[in-house]
């Protein structure tokens, strides 16, 4: 998840740098990149059912109980 977040955030940082390099300099270059990065984060980084099950299985691998779903629900 951290790798996915870093890759999505890199897009926003690259678009911030490009806003100063690409002619004409405009905030729209950054805004486009930032909006696209936010959409990617919502799709790839926000915890979903599959990621939650995978994390819960890794926490409970040795027989313990993590109560992860209960903690995330409330």
Protein backbone atom coordinates (compact mmCIF):
# COMPACT_ATOMS: atom_id res chain seq x y z
CA UNK A 1 0.00 0.00 0.00
CA UNK A 2 2.86 2.37 0.78
CA UNK A 3 4.44 1.69 -2.60
CA UNK A 4 1.15 2.39 -4.34
CA UNK A 5 0.77 5.62 -2.37
CA UNK A 6 4.32 6.70 -3.25
CA UNK A 7 3.75 6.06 -6.94
CA UNK A 8 0.48 8.00 -6.94
CA UNK A 9 2.04 10.86 -5.00
CA UNK A 10 5.00 10.93 -7.40
CA UNK A 11 2.58 11.91 -10.16
CA UNK A 12 1.48 14.96 -8.16
CA UNK A 13 5.10 15.94 -7.45
CA UNK A 14 6.12 15.54 -11.10
CA UNK A 15 3.18 17.67 -12.19
CA UNK A 16 4.23 20.37 -9.69
CA UNK A 17 7.70 20.44 -11.24
CA UNK A 18 6.23 20.41 -14.74
CA UNK A 19 4.07 23.42 -13.89
CA UNK A 20 7.27 25.49 -13.73
CA UNK A 21 8.95 23.98 -16.80
CA UNK A 22 6.19 23.63 -19.40
CA UNK A 23 5.34 26.80 -21.30
CA UNK A 24 3.12 28.67 -20.56
CA UNK A 25 3.54 28.30 -16.82
CA UNK A 26 0.13 27.60 -15.41
CA UNK A 27 -1.42 26.16 -12.29
CA UNK A 28 -3.60 23.95 -14.49
CA UNK A 29 -0.66 21.66 -15.15
CA UNK A 30 -0.40 20.93 -11.44
CA UNK A 31 -4.15 20.81 -10.88
CA UNK A 32 -4.57 18.20 -13.62
CA UNK A 33 -1.79 16.05 -12.16
CA UNK A 34 -3.05 16.45 -8.60
CA UNK A 35 -6.62 15.49 -9.50
CA UNK A 36 -5.38 12.47 -11.42
CA UNK A 37 -3.17 11.47 -8.46
CA UNK A 38 -6.12 11.78 -6.07
CA UNK A 39 -8.27 9.58 -8.30
CA UNK A 40 -5.49 6.98 -8.44
CA UNK A 41 -5.16 7.10 -4.65
CA UNK A 42 -8.90 6.59 -4.22
CA UNK A 43 -8.79 3.54 -6.47
CA UNK A 44 -5.48 1.93 -5.47
CA UNK A 45 -4.65 3.11 -1.94
CA UNK A 46 -7.96 3.40 -0.06
CA UNK A 47 -8.45 0.18 1.92
CA UNK A 48 -10.94 -2.16 0.28
CA UNK A 49 -12.30 -5.58 1.24
CA UNK A 50 -9.51 -7.51 -0.49
CA UNK A 51 -6.72 -5.54 1.18
CA UNK A 52 -8.45 -5.81 4.54
CA UNK A 53 -8.78 -9.60 4.24
CA UNK A 54 -5.13 -9.92 3.20
CA UNK A 55 -3.91 -7.82 6.14
CA UNK A 56 -6.17 -9.63 8.57
CA UNK A 57 -4.90 -13.02 7.34
CA UNK A 58 -1.29 -11.93 7.80
CA UNK A 59 -2.02 -10.66 11.32
CA UNK A 60 -3.81 -13.87 12.28
CA UNK A 61 -1.29 -16.20 10.63
CA UNK A 62 0.06 -17.58 13.91
CA UNK A 63 -3.35 -18.23 15.45
CA UNK A 64 -4.06 -14.89 17.11
CA UNK A 65 -7.15 -12.75 16.70
CA UNK A 66 -6.68 -9.26 15.33
CA UNK A 67 -10.27 -7.89 15.40
CA UNK A 68 -9.30 -5.76 12.40
CA UNK A 69 -12.75 -5.72 10.77
CA UNK A 70 -14.37 -4.72 14.07
CA UNK A 71 -11.88 -1.89 14.55
CA UNK A 72 -12.36 -0.63 10.99
CA UNK A 73 -16.15 -0.80 11.17
CA UNK A 74 -16.49 1.34 14.26
